Every structure is written in C-alpha cells, then in structure tokens.
Amino acid sequence: MKKSLHPEYVKCEVTCACGNSFVTRSTVPRMRLDICSACHPFYTGKQKLVDTAGRVEQFMRKYEKSQKLQEKALKKATKKKPSAAASTSAVKAENKAGSGEKST
C-alpha cells in the first residue's frame, strides 16, 4: 500500500446549525452541517422546513401570484353580463307589448 496515496484519517469535530456538535473521524478536521440527527425531522418526529436556496420563498411568491390571478378571473366572470336567456325573455316581452298582448 502506498503511503502518499491515501489521505490522513483524523479526529473531526462536526457542528450543526442547530448548535449540536460531536466528534468523529474523517479526512477533514472540521465539518459544518445544516441539519443533523438531533434536528432532522425523520429522527425527531417534528416538522421543520429546510430552506435550500430560497425555494420556500420562491414557492410562496408563485402561489400568491396564482391566487391573485384566480381572484381576478373570478371577479371578471362574476361581473353582470346579460345572459342569453335573459335577453331572449326581454325580446319576447317587447314583442308581446308591441303586438298589443298583455305580458304577465
């Protein structure tokens, strides 16, 4: 086995963003983690949002935008527009009035 081929295996201090730290062995002397077994939802059973590159905020912006577009479309669709049935009954009433018949 060549001596210069393999990296040195040393004690490694691992520190998590939650504040948890422990010592293990690795080829690097220090590691900084975003999430560890003390704060990971799989091990703790608690829900935790892990934001990677602002994806949660990006999703929320897209969701709000789509909600606004849906509300606009709903308002536009519910504006008073004479329906075909209403205009037909109005024409019939005019025809009856014009021919001398009583409309009920």
Foldseek 3Di string as FASTA:
>chain_A
DDPVPDADKAKAWEAEPVGDIDIDIDSDRYYYYPDDLVRDCVNPVDDDDDDDPCPVVVVVVVVVVVVVVVVVVVVVVPPDDDDPVNVVVVVVCVVCVVVPHDDD
